[in-house]
Amino acid sequence: MSKGSFGFGIALGSALGVAAAYLLAKQSGEELQQKFKEKADDSKNKLVIKLDNMVENAEIKFSEKMTDNEFYNPPVEYEAVPETVAAPPEHNALEDDPVTSLDTQL
């Protein structure tokens, strides 16, 4: 079975299903379309309300977390004593200079 014939079968089955629904429906086509539109609008409104509630709940949770994390941290005070002060680094850049080392080799 090729992909083309499978797609054609799906399209044909869908078209026959729509035709059967219109022919066997208790209402006229316009009434049925109006009913579908109302259901679609109702579903859309319910979805929008649920999304608004989810966003509102997320904002509330976020603000609660932010206020929970806002606590006072006093600054750390260090006393400068020889045990806490590091020695200055040794500078030996001139000893490792490649230009001066080449001059001494020549």
PDB file of N, CA and C in Angstrom:
ATOM      1  N   MET A   1       0.849  -1.167   0.000  1.00  0.00           N
ATOM      2  CA  MET A   1       0.000   0.000   0.000  1.00  0.00           C
ATOM      3  C   MET A   1       0.898   1.235   0.000  1.00  0.00           C
ATOM      4  N   SER A   2       0.644   2.130  -0.910  1.00  0.00           N
ATOM      5  CA  SER A   2       1.467   3.334  -0.986  1.00  0.00           C
ATOM      6  C   SER A   2       0.881   4.419  -0.100  1.00  0.00           C
ATOM      7  N   LYS A   3       1.717   5.420   0.164  1.00  0.00           N
ATOM      8  CA  LYS A   3       1.273   6.517   1.013  1.00  0.00           C
ATOM      9  C   LYS A   3       0.162   7.318   0.346  1.00  0.00           C
ATOM     10  N   GLY A   4       0.180   7.414  -0.970  1.00  0.00           N
ATOM     11  CA  GLY A   4      -0.842   8.164  -1.695  1.00  0.00           C
ATOM     12  C   GLY A   4      -2.218   7.537  -1.553  1.00  0.00           C
ATOM     13  N   SER A   5      -2.282   6.208  -1.674  1.00  0.00           N
ATOM     14  CA  SER A   5      -3.585   5.554  -1.572  1.00  0.00           C
ATOM     15  C   SER A   5      -4.093   5.592  -0.129  1.00  0.00           C
ATOM     16  N   PHE A   6      -3.198   5.537   0.841  1.00  0.00           N
ATOM     17  CA  PHE A   6      -3.607   5.634   2.242  1.00  0.00           C
ATOM     18  C   PHE A   6      -4.179   7.018   2.535  1.00  0.00           C
ATOM     19  N   GLY A   7      -3.509   8.067   2.047  1.00  0.00           N
ATOM     20  CA  GLY A   7      -4.003   9.432   2.231  1.00  0.00           C
ATOM     21  C   GLY A   7      -5.335   9.640   1.531  1.00  0.00           C
ATOM     22  N   PHE A   8      -5.476   9.066   0.339  1.00  0.00           N
ATOM     23  CA  PHE A   8      -6.733   9.167  -0.397  1.00  0.00           C
ATOM     24  C   PHE A   8      -7.855   8.479   0.377  1.00  0.00           C
ATOM     25  N   GLY A   9      -7.551   7.340   0.987  1.00  0.00           N
ATOM     26  CA  GLY A   9      -8.556   6.621   1.771  1.00  0.00           C
ATOM     27  C   GLY A   9      -8.993   7.417   2.982  1.00  0.00           C
ATOM     28  N   ILE A  10      -8.047   8.095   3.639  1.00  0.00           N
ATOM     29  CA  ILE A  10      -8.398   8.929   4.794  1.00  0.00           C
ATOM     30  C   ILE A  10      -9.282  10.093   4.351  1.00  0.00           C
ATOM     31  N   ALA A  11      -8.919  10.746   3.249  1.00  0.00           N
ATOM     32  CA  ALA A  11      -9.704  11.883   2.751  1.00  0.00           C
ATOM     33  C   ALA A  11     -11.102  11.434   2.337  1.00  0.00           C
ATOM     34  N   LEU A  12     -11.192  10.306   1.662  1.00  0.00           N
ATOM     35  CA  LEU A  12     -12.485   9.801   1.223  1.00  0.00           C
ATOM     36  C   LEU A  12     -13.352   9.415   2.422  1.00  0.00           C
ATOM     37  N   GLY A  13     -12.767   8.771   3.403  1.00  0.00           N
ATOM     38  CA  GLY A  13     -13.520   8.390   4.602  1.00  0.00           C
ATOM     39  C   GLY A  13     -14.000   9.606   5.380  1.00  0.00           C
ATOM     40  N   SER A  14     -13.177  10.631   5.446  1.00  0.00           N
ATOM     41  CA  SER A  14     -13.586  11.852   6.131  1.00  0.00           C
ATOM     42  C   SER A  14     -14.746  12.515   5.406  1.00  0.00           C
ATOM     43  N   ALA A  15     -14.645  12.597   4.093  1.00  0.00           N
ATOM     44  CA  ALA A  15     -15.707  13.221   3.307  1.00  0.00           C
ATOM     45  C   ALA A  15     -17.016  12.443   3.461  1.00  0.00           C
ATOM     46  N   LEU A  16     -16.943  11.118   3.440  1.00  0.00           N
ATOM     47  CA  LEU A  16     -18.159  10.315   3.611  1.00  0.00           C
ATOM     48  C   LEU A  16     -18.738  10.486   5.011  1.00  0.00           C
ATOM     49  N   GLY A  17     -17.897  10.596   6.005  1.00  0.00           N
ATOM     50  CA  GLY A  17     -18.369  10.813   7.375  1.00  0.00           C
ATOM     51  C   GLY A  17     -19.076  12.146   7.528  1.00  0.00           C
ATOM     52  N   VAL A  18     -18.533  13.190   6.922  1.00  0.00           N
ATOM     53  CA  VAL A  18     -19.174  14.508   6.979  1.00  0.00           C
ATOM     54  C   VAL A  18     -20.516  14.471   6.256  1.00  0.00           C
ATOM     55  N   ALA A  19     -20.530  13.839   5.094  1.00  0.00           N
ATOM     56  CA  ALA A  19     -21.781  13.751   4.331  1.00  0.00           C
ATOM     57  C   ALA A  19     -22.836  12.979   5.114  1.00  0.00           C
ATOM     58  N   ALA A  20     -22.460  11.883   5.740  1.00  0.00           N
ATOM     59  CA  ALA A  20     -23.413  11.085   6.519  1.00  0.00           C
ATOM     60  C   ALA A  20     -23.922  11.889   7.707  1.00  0.00           C
ATOM     61  N   ALA A  21     -23.051  12.665   8.338  1.00  0.00           N
ATOM     62  CA  ALA A  21     -23.472  13.468   9.483  1.00  0.00           C
ATOM     63  C   ALA A  21     -24.498  14.511   9.061  1.00  0.00           C
ATOM     64  N   TYR A  22     -24.289  15.142   7.906  1.00  0.00           N
ATOM     65  CA  TYR A  22     -25.264  16.131   7.429  1.00  0.00           C
ATOM     66  C   TYR A  22     -26.590  15.483   7.019  1.00  0.00           C
ATOM     67  N   LEU A  23     -26.519  14.328   6.399  1.00  0.00           N
ATOM     68  CA  LEU A  23     -27.742  13.673   5.936  1.00  0.00           C
ATOM     69  C   LEU A  23     -28.554  13.076   7.075  1.00  0.00           C
ATOM     70  N   LEU A  24     -27.877  12.571   8.097  1.00  0.00           N
ATOM     71  CA  LEU A  24     -28.574  11.890   9.186  1.00  0.00           C
ATOM     72  C   LEU A  24     -28.829  12.789  10.393  1.00  0.00           C
ATOM     73  N   ALA A  25     -28.425  14.036  10.316  1.00  0.00           N
ATOM     74  CA  ALA A  25     -28.597  14.950  11.447  1.00  0.00           C
ATOM     75  C   ALA A  25     -30.070  15.304  11.616  1.00  0.00           C
ATOM     76  N   LYS A  26     -30.478  15.557  12.851  1.00  0.00           N
ATOM     77  CA  LYS A  26     -31.862  15.898  13.141  1.00  0.00           C
ATOM     78  C   LYS A  26     -32.172  17.357  12.801  1.00  0.00           C
ATOM     79  N   GLN A  27     -31.125  18.194  12.723  1.00  0.00           N
ATOM     80  CA  GLN A  27     -31.333  19.603  12.433  1.00  0.00           C
ATOM     81  C   GLN A  27     -30.939  19.899  10.994  1.00  0.00           C
ATOM     82  N   SER A  28     -31.282  21.110  10.569  1.00  0.00           N
ATOM     83  CA  SER A  28     -30.848  21.536   9.243  1.00  0.00           C
ATOM     84  C   SER A  28     -29.360  21.890   9.303  1.00  0.00           C
ATOM     85  N   GLY A  29     -28.773  22.097   8.150  1.00  0.00           N
ATOM     86  CA  GLY A  29     -27.348  22.411   8.091  1.00  0.00           C
ATOM     87  C   GLY A  29     -26.997  23.682   8.835  1.00  0.00           C
ATOM     88  N   GLU A  30     -27.845  24.703   8.713  1.00  0.00           N
ATOM     89  CA  GLU A  30     -27.577  25.971   9.392  1.00  0.00           C
ATOM     90  C   GLU A  30     -27.682  25.823  10.901  1.00  0.00           C
ATOM     91  N   GLU A  31     -28.683  25.065  11.360  1.00  0.00           N
ATOM     92  CA  GLU A  31     -28.838  24.830  12.799  1.00  0.00           C
ATOM     93  C   GLU A  31     -27.647  24.057  13.351  1.00  0.00           C
ATOM     94  N   LEU A  32     -27.204  23.061  12.594  1.00  0.00           N
ATOM     95  CA  LEU A  32     -26.063  22.254  13.022  1.00  0.00           C
ATOM     96  C   LEU A  32     -24.786  23.092  13.079  1.00  0.00           C
ATOM     97  N   GLN A  33     -24.603  23.950  12.069  1.00  0.00           N
ATOM     98  CA  GLN A  33     -23.431  24.827  12.077  1.00  0.00           C
ATOM     99  C   GLN A  33     -23.487  25.791  13.255  1.00  0.00           C
ATOM    100  N   GLN A  34     -24.660  26.329  13.545  1.00  0.00           N
ATOM    101  CA  GLN A  34     -24.808  27.253  14.675  1.00  0.00           C
ATOM    102  C   GLN A  34     -24.492  26.530  15.989  1.00  0.00           C
ATOM    103  N   LYS A  35     -24.956  25.290  16.093  1.00  0.00           N
ATOM    104  CA  LYS A  35     -24.703  24.503  17.301  1.00  0.00           C
ATOM    105  C   LYS A  35     -23.197  24.247  17.462  1.00  0.00           C
ATOM    106  N   PHE A  36     -22.518  23.909  16.350  1.00  0.00           N
ATOM    107  CA  PHE A  36     -21.074  23.687  16.406  1.00  0.00           C
ATOM    108  C   PHE A  36     -20.330  24.963  16.790  1.00  0.00           C
ATOM    109  N   LYS A  37     -20.767  26.090  16.238  1.00  0.00           N
ATOM    110  CA  LYS A  37     -20.124  27.369  16.574  1.00  0.00           C
ATOM    111  C   LYS A  37     -20.293  27.694  18.049  1.00  0.00           C
ATOM    112  N   GLU A  38     -21.508  27.480  18.576  1.00  0.00           N
ATOM    113  CA  GLU A  38     -21.751  27.747  19.993  1.00  0.00           C
ATOM    114  C   GLU A  38     -20.893  26.859  20.880  1.00  0.00           C
ATOM    115  N   LYS A  39     -20.795  25.573  20.517  1.00  0.00           N
ATOM    116  CA  LYS A  39     -19.965  24.658  21.315  1.00  0.00           C
ATOM    117  C   LYS A  39     -18.489  25.046  21.237  1.00  0.00           C
ATOM    118  N   ALA A  40     -18.045  25.458  20.044  1.00  0.00           N
ATOM    119  CA  ALA A  40     -16.649  25.873  19.894  1.00  0.00           C
ATOM    120  C   ALA A  40     -16.372  27.134  20.705  1.00  0.00           C
ATOM    121  N   ASP A  41     -17.285  28.098  20.670  1.00  0.00           N
ATOM    122  CA  ASP A  41     -17.112  29.325  21.459  1.00  0.00           C
ATOM    123  C   ASP A  41     -17.120  29.028  22.952  1.00  0.00           C
ATOM    124  N   ASP A  42     -18.040  28.141  23.367  1.00  0.00           N
ATOM    125  CA  ASP A  42     -18.116  27.768  24.779  1.00  0.00           C
ATOM    126  C   ASP A  42     -16.825  27.091  25.237  1.00  0.00           C
ATOM    127  N   SER A  43     -16.311  26.183  24.421  1.00  0.00           N
ATOM    128  CA  SER A  43     -15.059  25.494  24.752  1.00  0.00           C
ATOM    129  C   SER A  43     -13.889  26.475  24.809  1.00  0.00           C
ATOM    130  N   LYS A  44     -13.883  27.429  23.867  1.00  0.00           N
ATOM    131  CA  LYS A  44     -12.821  28.426  23.851  1.00  0.00           C
ATOM    132  C   LYS A  44     -12.876  29.292  25.108  1.00  0.00           C
ATOM    133  N   ASN A  45     -14.074  29.703  25.497  1.00  0.00           N
ATOM    134  CA  ASN A  45     -14.220  30.531  26.704  1.00  0.00           C
ATOM    135  C   ASN A  45     -13.790  29.778  27.956  1.00  0.00           C
ATOM    136  N   LYS A  46     -14.163  28.496  28.038  1.00  0.00           N
ATOM    137  CA  LYS A  46     -13.738  27.693  29.188  1.00  0.00           C
ATOM    138  C   LYS A  46     -12.218  27.562  29.233  1.00  0.00           C
ATOM    139  N   LEU A  47     -11.609  27.368  28.065  1.00  0.00           N
ATOM    140  CA  LEU A  47     -10.150  27.242  28.002  1.00  0.00           C
ATOM    141  C   LEU A  47      -9.478  28.543  28.418  1.00  0.00           C
ATOM    142  N   VAL A  48     -10.005  29.674  27.975  1.00  0.00           N
ATOM    143  CA  VAL A  48      -9.425  30.973  28.338  1.00  0.00           C
ATOM    144  C   VAL A  48      -9.522  31.190  29.849  1.00  0.00           C
ATOM    145  N   ILE A  49     -10.652  30.831  30.433  1.00  0.00           N
ATOM    146  CA  ILE A  49     -10.821  30.987  31.883  1.00  0.00           C
ATOM    147  C   ILE A  49      -9.835  30.107  32.633  1.00  0.00           C
ATOM    148  N   LYS A  50      -9.675  28.855  32.182  1.00  0.00           N
ATOM    149  CA  LYS A  50      -8.722  27.955  32.842  1.00  0.00           C
ATOM    150  C   LYS A  50      -7.294  28.472  32.716  1.00  0.00           C
ATOM    151  N   LEU A  51      -6.930  28.969  31.534  1.00  0.00           N
ATOM    152  CA  LEU A  51      -5.582  29.509  31.356  1.00  0.00           C
ATOM    153  C   LEU A  51      -5.358  30.735  32.228  1.00  0.00           C
ATOM    154  N   ASP A  52      -6.368  31.609  32.336  1.00  0.00           N
ATOM    155  CA  ASP A  52      -6.251  32.777  33.208  1.00  0.00           C
ATOM    156  C   ASP A  52      -6.042  32.356  34.659  1.00  0.00           C
ATOM    157  N   ASN A  53      -6.799  31.348  35.095  1.00  0.00           N
ATOM    158  CA  ASN A  53      -6.637  30.865  36.467  1.00  0.00           C
ATOM    159  C   ASN A  53      -5.253  30.272  36.680  1.00  0.00           C
ATOM    160  N   MET A  54      -4.742  29.531  35.686  1.00  0.00           N
ATOM    161  CA  MET A  54      -3.406  28.944  35.817  1.00  0.00           C
ATOM    162  C   MET A  54      -2.337  30.029  35.897  1.00  0.00           C
ATOM    163  N   VAL A  55      -2.462  31.053  35.068  1.00  0.00           N
ATOM    164  CA  VAL A  55      -1.485  32.147  35.091  1.00  0.00           C
ATOM    165  C   VAL A  55      -1.557  32.889  36.418  1.00  0.00           C
ATOM    166  N   GLU A  56      -2.775  33.135  36.916  1.00  0.00           N
ATOM    167  CA  GLU A  56      -2.936  33.827  38.193  1.00  0.00           C
ATOM    168  C   GLU A  56      -2.329  33.014  39.328  1.00  0.00           C
ATOM    169  N   ASN A  57      -2.579  31.691  39.345  1.00  0.00           N
ATOM    170  CA  ASN A  57      -1.997  30.834  40.386  1.00  0.00           C
ATOM    171  C   ASN A  57      -0.475  30.807  40.294  1.00  0.00           C
ATOM    172  N   ALA A  58       0.053  30.786  39.086  1.00  0.00           N
ATOM    173  CA  ALA A  58       1.508  30.790  38.920  1.00  0.00           C
ATOM    174  C   ALA A  58       2.092  32.101  39.424  1.00  0.00           C
ATOM    175  N   GLU A  59       1.429  33.223  39.154  1.00  0.00           N
ATOM    176  CA  GLU A  59       1.919  34.512  39.644  1.00  0.00           C
ATOM    177  C   GLU A  59       1.882  34.571  41.162  1.00  0.00           C
ATOM    178  N   ILE A  60       0.832  34.010  41.771  1.00  0.00           N
ATOM    179  CA  ILE A  60       0.730  33.992  43.231  1.00  0.00           C
ATOM    180  C   ILE A  60       1.850  33.146  43.825  1.00  0.00           C
ATOM    181  N   LYS A  61       2.070  31.957  43.262  1.00  0.00           N
ATOM    182  CA  LYS A  61       3.143  31.082  43.768  1.00  0.00           C
ATOM    183  C   LYS A  61       4.503  31.757  43.613  1.00  0.00           C
ATOM    184  N   PHE A  62       4.711  32.413  42.478  1.00  0.00           N
ATOM    185  CA  PHE A  62       5.983  33.084  42.236  1.00  0.00           C
ATOM    186  C   PHE A  62       6.200  34.207  43.244  1.00  0.00           C
ATOM    187  N   SER A  63       5.165  35.006  43.502  1.00  0.00           N
ATOM    188  CA  SER A  63       5.319  36.106  44.455  1.00  0.00           C
ATOM    189  C   SER A  63       5.531  35.567  45.866  1.00  0.00           C
ATOM    190  N   GLU A  64       4.878  34.439  46.209  1.00  0.00           N
ATOM    191  CA  GLU A  64       5.113  33.827  47.517  1.00  0.00           C
ATOM    192  C   GLU A  64       6.558  33.365  47.656  1.00  0.00           C
ATOM    193  N   LYS A  65       7.092  32.743  46.612  1.00  0.00           N
ATOM    194  CA  LYS A  65       8.484  32.288  46.653  1.00  0.00           C
ATOM    195  C   LYS A  65       9.441  33.472  46.779  1.00  0.00           C
ATOM    196  N   MET A  66       9.128  34.555  46.069  1.00  0.00           N
ATOM    197  CA  MET A  66       9.994  35.730  46.128  1.00  0.00           C
ATOM    198  C   MET A  66       9.986  36.343  47.523  1.00  0.00           C
ATOM    199  N   THR A  67       8.812  36.398  48.166  1.00  0.00           N
ATOM    200  CA  THR A  67       8.763  36.971  49.510  1.00  0.00           C
ATOM    201  C   THR A  67       9.387  36.028  50.530  1.00  0.00           C
ATOM    202  N   ASP A  68       9.305  34.718  50.301  1.00  0.00           N
ATOM    203  CA  ASP A  68       9.963  33.772  51.205  1.00  0.00           C
ATOM    204  C   ASP A  68      11.475  33.916  51.146  1.00  0.00           C
ATOM    205  N   ASN A  69      12.004  34.245  49.982  1.00  0.00           N
ATOM    206  CA  ASN A  69      13.450  34.350  49.814  1.00  0.00           C
ATOM    207  C   ASN A  69      13.998  35.709  50.216  1.00  0.00           C
ATOM    208  N   GLU A  70      13.140  36.658  50.539  1.00  0.00           N
ATOM    209  CA  GLU A  70      13.599  37.979  50.937  1.00  0.00           C
ATOM    210  C   GLU A  70      13.831  38.001  52.452  1.00  0.00           C
ATOM    211  N   PHE A  71      15.009  37.708  52.858  1.00  0.00           N
ATOM    212  CA  PHE A  71      15.361  37.789  54.263  1.00  0.00           C
ATOM    213  C   PHE A  71      16.654  38.571  54.369  1.00  0.00           C
ATOM    214  N   TYR A  72      16.903  39.084  55.538  1.00  0.00           N
ATOM    215  CA  TYR A  72      18.022  39.995  55.738  1.00  0.00           C
ATOM    216  C   TYR A  72      19.310  39.206  55.963  1.00  0.00           C
ATOM    217  N   ASN A  73      20.288  39.497  55.161  1.00  0.00           N
ATOM    218  CA  ASN A  73      21.627  38.948  55.346  1.00  0.00           C
ATOM    219  C   ASN A  73      22.543  40.087  55.756  1.00  0.00           C
ATOM    220  N   PRO A  74      22.975  40.110  57.013  1.00  0.00           N
ATOM    221  CA  PRO A  74      23.883  41.190  57.398  1.00  0.00           C
ATOM    222  C   PRO A  74      25.220  41.021  56.681  1.00  0.00           C
ATOM    223  N   PRO A  75      25.891  42.123  56.405  1.00  0.00           N
ATOM    224  CA  PRO A  75      27.184  42.007  55.725  1.00  0.00           C
ATOM    225  C   PRO A  75      28.204  41.293  56.611  1.00  0.00           C
ATOM    226  N   VAL A  76      29.072  40.549  55.972  1.00  0.00           N
ATOM    227  CA  VAL A  76      30.101  39.815  56.687  1.00  0.00           C
ATOM    228  C   VAL A  76      31.231  40.786  57.019  1.00  0.00           C
ATOM    229  N   GLU A  77      31.651  40.739  58.263  1.00  0.00           N
ATOM    230  CA  GLU A  77      32.742  41.619  58.695  1.00  0.00           C
ATOM    231  C   GLU A  77      33.995  40.763  58.917  1.00  0.00           C
ATOM    232  N   TYR A  78      35.062  41.172  58.270  1.00  0.00           N
ATOM    233  CA  TYR A  78      36.333  40.469  58.418  1.00  0.00           C
ATOM    234  C   TYR A  78      37.300  41.363  59.167  1.00  0.00           C
ATOM    235  N   GLU A  79      38.094  40.737  59.970  1.00  0.00           N
ATOM    236  CA  GLU A  79      39.126  41.468  60.688  1.00  0.00           C
ATOM    237  C   GLU A  79      40.446  41.216  59.973  1.00  0.00           C
ATOM    238  N   ALA A  80      41.146  42.289  59.643  1.00  0.00           N
ATOM    239  CA  ALA A  80      42.398  42.160  58.914  1.00  0.00           C
ATOM    240  C   ALA A  80      43.529  41.862  59.891  1.00  0.00           C
ATOM    241  N   VAL A  81      43.830  40.614  60.054  1.00  0.00           N
ATOM    242  CA  VAL A  81      44.954  40.155  60.887  1.00  0.00           C
ATOM    243  C   VAL A  81      45.865  39.338  59.987  1.00  0.00           C
ATOM    244  N   PRO A  82      47.092  39.148  60.366  1.00  0.00           N
ATOM    245  CA  PRO A  82      48.016  38.406  59.496  1.00  0.00           C
ATOM    246  C   PRO A  82      47.516  37.021  59.080  1.00  0.00           C
ATOM    247  N   GLU A  83      46.717  36.383  59.894  1.00  0.00           N
ATOM    248  CA  GLU A  83      46.210  35.055  59.538  1.00  0.00           C
ATOM    249  C   GLU A  83      45.174  35.112  58.417  1.00  0.00           C
ATOM    250  N   THR A  84      44.462  36.236  58.279  1.00  0.00           N
ATOM    251  CA  THR A  84      43.411  36.334  57.270  1.00  0.00           C
ATOM    252  C   THR A  84      43.835  37.108  56.040  1.00  0.00           C
ATOM    253  N   VAL A  85      45.011  37.715  56.054  1.00  0.00           N
ATOM    254  CA  VAL A  85      45.490  38.496  54.919  1.00  0.00           C
ATOM    255  C   VAL A  85      46.472  37.645  54.132  1.00  0.00           C
ATOM    256  N   ALA A  86      46.271  37.535  52.844  1.00  0.00           N
ATOM    257  CA  ALA A  86      47.153  36.738  51.997  1.00  0.00           C
ATOM    258  C   ALA A  86      48.411  37.530  51.672  1.00  0.00           C
ATOM    259  N   ALA A  87      49.478  36.817  51.480  1.00  0.00           N
ATOM    260  CA  ALA A  87      50.746  37.445  51.095  1.00  0.00           C
ATOM    261  C   ALA A  87      50.641  37.912  49.645  1.00  0.00           C
ATOM    262  N   PRO A  88      51.347  38.984  49.296  1.00  0.00           N
ATOM    263  CA  PRO A  88      51.298  39.446  47.910  1.00  0.00           C
ATOM    264  C   PRO A  88      51.931  38.409  46.985  1.00  0.00           C
ATOM    265  N   PRO A  89      51.470  38.313  45.766  1.00  0.00           N
ATOM    266  CA  PRO A  89      52.032  37.327  44.838  1.00  0.00           C
ATOM    267  C   PRO A  89      53.445  37.721  44.420  1.00  0.00           C
ATOM    268  N   GLU A  90      54.232  36.721  44.110  1.00  0.00           N
ATOM    269  CA  GLU A  90      55.587  36.973  43.644  1.00  0.00           C
ATOM    270  C   GLU A  90      55.557  37.260  42.152  1.00  0.00           C
ATOM    271  N   HIS A  91      56.262  38.324  41.754  1.00  0.00           N
ATOM    272  CA  HIS A  91      56.295  38.701  40.347  1.00  0.00           C
ATOM    273  C   HIS A  91      57.637  38.291  39.770  1.00  0.00           C
ATOM    274  N   ASN A  92      57.592  37.310  38.912  1.00  0.00           N
ATOM    275  CA  ASN A  92      58.805  36.854  38.253  1.00  0.00           C
ATOM    276  C   ASN A  92      58.632  36.916  36.738  1.00  0.00           C
ATOM    277  N   ALA A  93      57.879  37.883  36.282  1.00  0.00           N
ATOM    278  CA  ALA A  93      57.605  38.000  34.858  1.00  0.00           C
ATOM    279  C   ALA A  93      58.871  38.304  34.070  1.00  0.00           C
ATOM    280  N   LEU A  94      59.774  39.092  34.640  1.00  0.00           N
ATOM    281  CA  LEU A  94      60.992  39.444  33.918  1.00  0.00           C
ATOM    282  C   LEU A  94      61.946  38.260  33.805  1.00  0.00           C
ATOM    283  N   GLU A  95      61.866  37.344  34.729  1.00  0.00           N
ATOM    284  CA  GLU A  95      62.726  36.173  34.671  1.00  0.00           C
ATOM    285  C   GLU A  95      62.276  35.199  33.581  1.00  0.00           C
ATOM    286  N   ASP A  96      61.005  35.128  33.297  1.00  0.00           N
ATOM    287  CA  ASP A  96      60.484  34.206  32.307  1.00  0.00           C
ATOM    288  C   ASP A  96      60.250  34.864  30.957  1.00  0.00           C
ATOM    289  N   ASP A  97      60.759  36.052  30.741  1.00  0.00           N
ATOM    290  CA  ASP A  97      60.530  36.785  29.507  1.00  0.00           C
ATOM    291  C   ASP A  97      61.264  36.080  28.362  1.00  0.00           C
ATOM    292  N   PRO A  98      60.583  35.673  27.286  1.00  0.00           N
ATOM    293  CA  PRO A  98      61.239  34.943  26.201  1.00  0.00           C
ATOM    294  C   PRO A  98      62.225  35.808  25.424  1.00  0.00           C
ATOM    295  N   VAL A  99      62.033  37.100  25.385  1.00  0.00           N
ATOM    296  CA  VAL A  99      62.959  37.972  24.659  1.00  0.00           C
ATOM    297  C   VAL A  99      64.295  38.019  25.358  1.00  0.00           C
ATOM    298  N   THR A 100      64.308  38.168  26.665  1.00  0.00           N
ATOM    299  CA  THR A 100      65.564  38.242  27.395  1.00  0.00           C
ATOM    300  C   THR A 100      66.257  36.870  27.443  1.00  0.00           C
ATOM    301  N   SER A 101      65.491  35.815  27.446  1.00  0.00           N
ATOM    302  CA  SER A 101      66.117  34.494  27.476  1.00  0.00           C
ATOM    303  C   SER A 101      66.752  34.182  26.136  1.00  0.00           C
ATOM    304  N   LEU A 102      66.222  34.695  25.024  1.00  0.00           N
ATOM    305  CA  LEU A 102      66.850  34.497  23.720  1.00  0.00           C
ATOM    306  C   LEU A 102      68.156  35.270  23.628  1.00  0.00           C
ATOM    307  N   ASP A 103      68.202  36.474  24.201  1.00  0.00           N
ATOM    308  CA  ASP A 103      69.409  37.282  24.164  1.00  0.00           C
ATOM    309  C   ASP A 103      70.549  36.597  24.912  1.00  0.00           C
ATOM    310  N   THR A 104      70.263  35.941  25.983  1.00  0.00           N
ATOM    311  CA  THR A 104      71.307  35.300  26.763  1.00  0.00           C
ATOM    312  C   THR A 104      71.812  34.030  26.080  1.00  0.00           C
ATOM    313  N   GLN A 105      70.984  33.406  25.236  1.00  0.00           N
ATOM    314  CA  GLN A 105      71.401  32.194  24.556  1.00  0.00           C
ATOM    315  C   GLN A 105      72.302  32.501  23.372  1.00  0.00           C
ATOM    316  N   LEU A 106      72.188  33.675  22.785  1.00  0.00           N
ATOM    317  CA  LEU A 106      72.988  34.017  21.613  1.00  0.00           C
ATOM    318  C   LEU A 106      74.336  34.382  22.033  1.00  0.00           C
TER     319      LEU A 106
END
